[in-house]
């Protein structure tokens, strides 16, 4: 969208307030600073987080963002793009929209993220290997409607079902909330004293599961393979509570989403998809990832 004002203003909308999205915001701010230095144009980034990870709350925040008439909006949708016509309405008004940490089958809505199926499968394969492909394994869902969480969950189920000696346990639903993940995991651990492993689909799951395992005194007994690599998850890996984690790269997602929006705001054609890759974090390499926070 062409701007009569030389200053550009972009909006980042998360699923909910969470440290993972703060990393996305950090990456977007770094890209904005880079663009300012190299273009001489002021670039601002507003980060807006819904109160809960629900369609209603996210659409309310999206409406607030749209009222600002920004130069572009990047959003991590809590539902499939096809179920959020408000996004298409923004595009029709000439406001560039990019989704991040989510797939998009709509060619009008470019996406930034990674292969969520592979990310989920990597975590499941790691856990299967660590528990000898047998025993009870709990699988916690994130936001059930969120396409990235759903793809990871389905991929993990597929991998676990390849092993007949593994019994799959309902690990609860955290709705991308750490406190909820802790409550859900606490209930599961109490009901399954023989549980050998725990998987999850978002960055809230591993932290809640780790807290519950600590409380239950079952560190080292229940193998946790997490999702994502924000600092609190890295600390739990270093401490040996979380065994490993299949991680997105949130700061890069924020950076690339902001760059794509800037390009679109200048009338440039942008890619349909940017894959920012997957990191895999263990005790062997966790210090390398922690160094980025020091």
Protein backbone atom coordinates (compact mmCIF):
# COMPACT_ATOMS: atom_id res chain seq x y z
CA UNK A 1 0.00 0.00 0.00
CA UNK A 2 1.49 3.33 -1.00
CA UNK A 3 1.99 5.73 1.91
CA UNK A 4 1.71 9.52 1.66
CA UNK A 5 3.46 9.70 5.06
CA UNK A 6 7.11 8.65 4.69
CA UNK A 7 6.96 6.86 8.07
CA UNK A 8 5.88 3.22 8.01
CA UNK A 9 3.99 1.48 10.80
CA UNK A 10 3.62 -2.30 11.00
CA UNK A 11 1.67 -4.40 13.48
CA UNK A 12 2.56 -7.84 14.87
CA UNK A 13 -0.43 -9.76 16.31
CA UNK A 14 0.20 -12.87 18.38
CA UNK A 15 -2.11 -15.69 19.45
CA UNK A 16 -1.75 -14.56 23.08
CA UNK A 17 0.80 -12.89 25.36
CA UNK A 18 3.74 -15.29 25.65
CA UNK A 19 7.58 -15.14 25.77
CA UNK A 20 7.74 -16.87 22.36
CA UNK A 21 5.99 -13.93 20.73
CA UNK A 22 8.31 -11.51 22.49
CA UNK A 23 11.10 -13.17 20.51
CA UNK A 24 9.11 -12.64 17.30
CA UNK A 25 8.72 -8.99 18.26
CA UNK A 26 12.46 -8.72 18.98
CA UNK A 27 13.26 -10.02 15.48
CA UNK A 28 10.78 -7.62 13.90
CA UNK A 29 12.28 -4.67 15.77
CA UNK A 30 15.79 -5.61 14.61
CA UNK A 31 14.59 -5.73 11.01
CA UNK A 32 12.82 -2.39 11.40
CA UNK A 33 16.02 -0.81 12.70
CA UNK A 34 17.96 -2.26 9.77
CA UNK A 35 15.45 -0.86 7.29
CA UNK A 36 15.52 2.55 8.93
CA UNK A 37 19.31 2.72 8.68
CA UNK A 38 19.42 1.62 5.06
CA UNK A 39 16.35 3.43 3.68
CA UNK A 40 16.23 6.59 5.76
CA UNK A 41 12.55 5.94 6.45
CA UNK A 42 11.18 5.72 9.96
CA UNK A 43 9.82 2.20 10.60
CA UNK A 44 7.81 1.45 13.75
CA UNK A 45 6.47 -1.88 14.99
CA UNK A 46 3.47 -2.29 17.29
CA UNK A 47 3.12 -5.63 19.08
CA UNK A 48 -0.46 -6.51 20.04
CA UNK A 49 -1.40 -9.61 22.06
CA UNK A 50 -4.97 -10.89 22.64
CA UNK A 51 -6.00 -11.67 26.23
CA UNK A 52 -6.65 -15.32 25.36
CA UNK A 53 -5.82 -17.59 22.43
CA UNK A 54 -9.33 -17.42 20.99
CA UNK A 55 -10.73 -16.40 17.63
CA UNK A 56 -12.93 -13.77 19.27
CA UNK A 57 -10.10 -12.05 21.15
CA UNK A 58 -7.76 -12.19 18.18
CA UNK A 59 -10.35 -10.72 15.81
CA UNK A 60 -10.98 -7.89 18.29
CA UNK A 61 -7.27 -7.07 18.31
CA UNK A 62 -7.15 -7.35 14.53
CA UNK A 63 -9.97 -4.80 14.27
CA UNK A 64 -8.03 -2.42 16.52
CA UNK A 65 -4.95 -2.84 14.35
CA UNK A 66 -6.90 -2.28 11.15
CA UNK A 67 -8.31 0.96 12.53
CA UNK A 68 -4.76 2.30 12.71
CA UNK A 69 -4.50 1.87 8.90
CA UNK A 70 -1.00 0.42 9.24
CA UNK A 71 1.47 -0.24 6.45
CA UNK A 72 1.05 -3.97 7.05
CA UNK A 73 -0.01 -6.62 9.57
CA UNK A 74 1.69 -9.89 10.52
CA UNK A 75 -0.47 -12.31 12.50
CA UNK A 76 -0.13 -15.77 14.01
CA UNK A 77 -3.71 -16.98 13.46
CA UNK A 78 -5.57 -19.07 16.02
CA UNK A 79 -7.55 -20.69 13.20
CA UNK A 80 -7.08 -21.52 9.53
CA UNK A 81 -6.74 -18.49 7.29
CA UNK A 82 -9.83 -19.66 5.40
CA UNK A 83 -11.87 -19.27 8.61
CA UNK A 84 -10.75 -15.66 9.17
CA UNK A 85 -12.44 -13.57 6.46
CA UNK A 86 -11.37 -10.43 8.30
CA UNK A 87 -7.87 -11.00 6.92
CA UNK A 88 -9.18 -11.01 3.37
CA UNK A 89 -11.12 -7.82 4.07
CA UNK A 90 -7.88 -6.10 5.07
CA UNK A 91 -6.15 -7.24 1.91
CA UNK A 92 -9.08 -5.94 -0.13
CA UNK A 93 -8.51 -2.54 1.49
CA UNK A 94 -4.88 -2.60 0.35
CA UNK A 95 -3.28 -3.45 3.70
CA UNK A 96 -0.59 -6.14 3.26
CA UNK A 97 -1.07 -9.18 5.50
CA UNK A 98 1.42 -11.95 6.29
CA UNK A 99 0.83 -14.89 8.62
CA UNK A 100 3.73 -16.21 10.68
CA UNK A 101 4.23 -19.51 12.51
CA UNK A 102 1.33 -20.85 10.48
CA UNK A 103 0.69 -22.43 7.08
CA UNK A 104 -1.47 -20.67 4.51
CA UNK A 105 -3.22 -22.36 1.62
CA UNK A 106 -4.61 -19.02 0.44
CA UNK A 107 -2.38 -17.47 -2.22
CA UNK A 108 -3.47 -14.00 -1.13
CA UNK A 109 -1.93 -14.52 2.31
CA UNK A 110 1.83 -15.27 2.33
CA UNK A 111 3.31 -17.15 5.27
CA UNK A 112 6.53 -17.24 7.27
CA UNK A 113 7.36 -20.33 9.32
CA UNK A 114 8.75 -23.83 9.17
CA UNK A 115 7.60 -27.34 8.24
CA UNK A 116 5.30 -27.99 11.21
CA UNK A 117 4.69 -31.63 10.24
CA UNK A 118 8.42 -32.33 10.22
CA UNK A 119 8.91 -30.41 13.45
CA UNK A 120 6.34 -32.56 15.23
CA UNK A 121 7.72 -35.75 13.72
CA UNK A 122 11.28 -34.89 14.81
CA UNK A 123 10.14 -34.52 18.42
CA UNK A 124 8.18 -37.77 18.36
CA UNK A 125 11.03 -39.74 16.81
CA UNK A 126 13.42 -38.42 19.44
CA UNK A 127 11.10 -39.47 22.26
CA UNK A 128 10.51 -42.91 20.79
CA UNK A 129 14.26 -43.45 20.64
CA UNK A 130 14.80 -42.28 24.22
CA UNK A 131 12.16 -44.59 25.74
CA UNK A 132 13.02 -47.66 23.68
CA UNK A 133 9.82 -47.50 21.59
CA UNK A 134 7.61 -48.83 24.39
CA UNK A 135 5.49 -47.63 27.29
CA UNK A 136 2.98 -44.86 27.94
CA UNK A 137 3.45 -41.54 26.17
CA UNK A 138 1.29 -38.46 26.81
CA UNK A 139 0.68 -35.94 24.06
CA UNK A 140 -0.50 -32.45 25.01
CA UNK A 141 -2.35 -30.29 22.50
CA UNK A 142 -1.85 -26.53 22.23
CA UNK A 143 -4.64 -24.44 20.69
CA UNK A 144 -6.67 -27.14 18.88
CA UNK A 145 -7.84 -24.79 16.10
CA UNK A 146 -4.38 -23.37 15.41
CA UNK A 147 -3.09 -24.89 12.16
CA UNK A 148 0.55 -25.12 13.25
CA UNK A 149 -0.33 -26.80 16.57
CA UNK A 150 -2.72 -29.19 14.81
CA UNK A 151 -0.13 -30.21 12.21
CA UNK A 152 2.46 -30.91 14.90
CA UNK A 153 -0.05 -32.92 16.95
CA UNK A 154 -1.16 -35.02 13.99
CA UNK A 155 2.47 -35.68 12.99
CA UNK A 156 3.32 -36.81 16.50
CA UNK A 157 0.33 -39.14 16.60
CA UNK A 158 1.35 -40.63 13.27
CA UNK A 159 4.88 -41.30 14.49
CA UNK A 160 3.78 -42.82 17.81
CA UNK A 161 1.27 -45.10 16.10
CA UNK A 162 4.10 -46.70 14.15
CA UNK A 163 5.17 -48.41 17.39
CA UNK A 164 2.68 -50.97 18.74
CA UNK A 165 4.44 -51.18 22.12
CA UNK A 166 3.67 -47.51 22.80
CA UNK A 167 0.40 -46.60 24.51
CA UNK A 168 -0.75 -43.07 23.67
CA UNK A 169 -2.19 -41.08 26.58
CA UNK A 170 -4.30 -37.93 26.31
CA UNK A 171 -1.92 -35.30 27.66
CA UNK A 172 -4.46 -32.47 27.92
CA UNK A 173 -4.93 -29.15 26.12
CA UNK A 174 -2.93 -26.10 27.21
CA UNK A 175 -4.40 -23.42 24.89
CA UNK A 176 -0.92 -21.87 24.72
CA UNK A 177 -0.95 -21.05 28.43
CA UNK A 178 1.85 -22.21 30.75
CA UNK A 179 -0.30 -22.34 33.89
CA UNK A 180 -2.91 -24.43 32.09
CA UNK A 181 -0.19 -26.75 30.79
CA UNK A 182 1.06 -27.24 34.35
CA UNK A 183 -2.43 -28.10 35.62
CA UNK A 184 -3.10 -30.49 32.75
CA UNK A 185 0.24 -32.27 33.11
CA UNK A 186 -0.18 -32.55 36.89
CA UNK A 187 -3.47 -34.38 36.37
CA UNK A 188 -1.99 -36.68 33.73
CA UNK A 189 1.04 -37.57 35.84
CA UNK A 190 -1.14 -38.44 38.83
CA UNK A 191 -3.35 -40.68 36.68
CA UNK A 192 -0.44 -42.43 34.95
CA UNK A 193 2.29 -43.45 37.42
CA UNK A 194 3.97 -45.54 34.69
CA UNK A 195 4.18 -42.70 32.17
CA UNK A 196 7.52 -42.77 30.34
CA UNK A 197 7.32 -39.81 27.97
CA UNK A 198 5.57 -36.50 27.28
CA UNK A 199 5.22 -34.55 24.01
CA UNK A 200 3.57 -31.21 23.28
CA UNK A 201 2.70 -28.89 20.40
CA UNK A 202 3.64 -25.37 21.47
CA UNK A 203 6.08 -23.39 23.65
CA UNK A 204 3.76 -23.42 26.68
CA UNK A 205 3.57 -27.22 26.85
CA UNK A 206 7.19 -28.02 27.75
CA UNK A 207 7.33 -25.41 30.52
CA UNK A 208 4.08 -26.57 32.10
CA UNK A 209 5.04 -30.23 31.78
CA UNK A 210 8.48 -29.54 33.26
CA UNK A 211 6.94 -27.76 36.25
CA UNK A 212 4.52 -30.65 36.83
CA UNK A 213 7.28 -33.27 36.55
CA UNK A 214 9.37 -31.36 39.08
CA UNK A 215 6.45 -31.21 41.52
CA UNK A 216 5.81 -34.91 41.11
CA UNK A 217 9.45 -35.73 41.76
CA UNK A 218 9.71 -37.56 38.44
CA UNK A 219 12.59 -35.71 36.78
CA UNK A 220 14.57 -38.24 34.76
CA UNK A 221 11.72 -40.74 34.99
CA UNK A 222 9.44 -38.99 32.48
CA UNK A 223 11.25 -38.02 29.28
CA UNK A 224 10.04 -34.64 28.00
CA UNK A 225 10.74 -33.70 24.40
CA UNK A 226 9.59 -30.14 23.99
CA UNK A 227 8.63 -27.70 21.28
CA UNK A 228 10.56 -24.48 20.65
CA UNK A 229 13.65 -22.91 22.16
CA UNK A 230 12.89 -19.75 24.13
CA UNK A 231 15.17 -19.07 27.10
CA UNK A 232 13.04 -20.72 29.83
CA UNK A 233 12.89 -23.94 27.77
CA UNK A 234 16.64 -23.79 27.20
CA UNK A 235 17.19 -23.49 30.95
CA UNK A 236 15.07 -26.58 31.57
CA UNK A 237 17.07 -28.51 28.98
CA UNK A 238 20.33 -27.44 30.61
CA UNK A 239 18.93 -28.51 34.00
CA UNK A 240 18.03 -31.93 32.56
CA UNK A 241 14.29 -31.61 33.16
CA UNK A 242 13.43 -31.33 29.46
CA UNK A 243 15.43 -33.89 27.46
CA UNK A 244 15.44 -31.96 24.16
CA UNK A 245 13.29 -29.71 21.98
CA UNK A 246 12.33 -29.34 18.33
CA UNK A 247 12.45 -25.61 17.84
CA UNK A 248 11.21 -22.90 15.54
CA UNK A 249 13.30 -19.76 15.20
CA UNK A 250 10.91 -17.01 16.37
CA UNK A 251 13.22 -14.00 16.02
CA UNK A 252 13.85 -14.94 12.38
CA UNK A 253 10.12 -15.32 11.82
CA UNK A 254 9.59 -11.79 13.12
CA UNK A 255 12.43 -10.44 11.01
CA UNK A 256 11.27 -12.09 7.79
CA UNK A 257 7.60 -11.20 8.36
CA UNK A 258 8.55 -7.55 8.83
CA UNK A 259 10.77 -7.59 5.74
CA UNK A 260 7.98 -9.10 3.62
CA UNK A 261 5.52 -6.48 4.86
CA UNK A 262 7.97 -3.70 4.08
CA UNK A 263 8.48 -5.07 0.57
CA UNK A 264 4.71 -5.32 0.04
CA UNK A 265 4.24 -1.76 1.33
CA UNK A 266 6.65 -0.63 -1.41
CA UNK A 267 4.63 -2.38 -4.10
CA UNK A 268 7.03 -5.30 -4.47
CA UNK A 269 5.91 -8.85 -5.13
CA UNK A 270 6.70 -11.09 -2.16
CA UNK A 271 7.14 -14.87 -1.84
CA UNK A 272 4.17 -17.09 -1.07
CA UNK A 273 6.16 -18.79 1.68
CA UNK A 274 9.42 -18.39 3.59
CA UNK A 275 10.71 -21.41 5.53
CA UNK A 276 12.80 -20.27 8.50
CA UNK A 277 13.92 -23.78 9.43
CA UNK A 278 14.00 -26.00 12.53
CA UNK A 279 16.59 -26.14 15.30
CA UNK A 280 17.00 -29.22 17.49
CA UNK A 281 18.27 -28.53 20.98
CA UNK A 282 19.81 -30.99 23.44
CA UNK A 283 22.09 -30.80 26.46
CA UNK A 284 25.01 -31.09 24.04
CA UNK A 285 24.28 -27.83 22.21
CA UNK A 286 22.01 -25.88 24.59
CA UNK A 287 24.79 -23.51 25.67
CA UNK A 288 25.11 -22.34 22.08
CA UNK A 289 21.47 -21.30 22.07
CA UNK A 290 21.61 -19.79 25.57
CA UNK A 291 24.51 -17.60 24.44
CA UNK A 292 22.09 -15.62 22.28
CA UNK A 293 20.36 -14.44 25.47
CA UNK A 294 23.51 -13.49 27.35
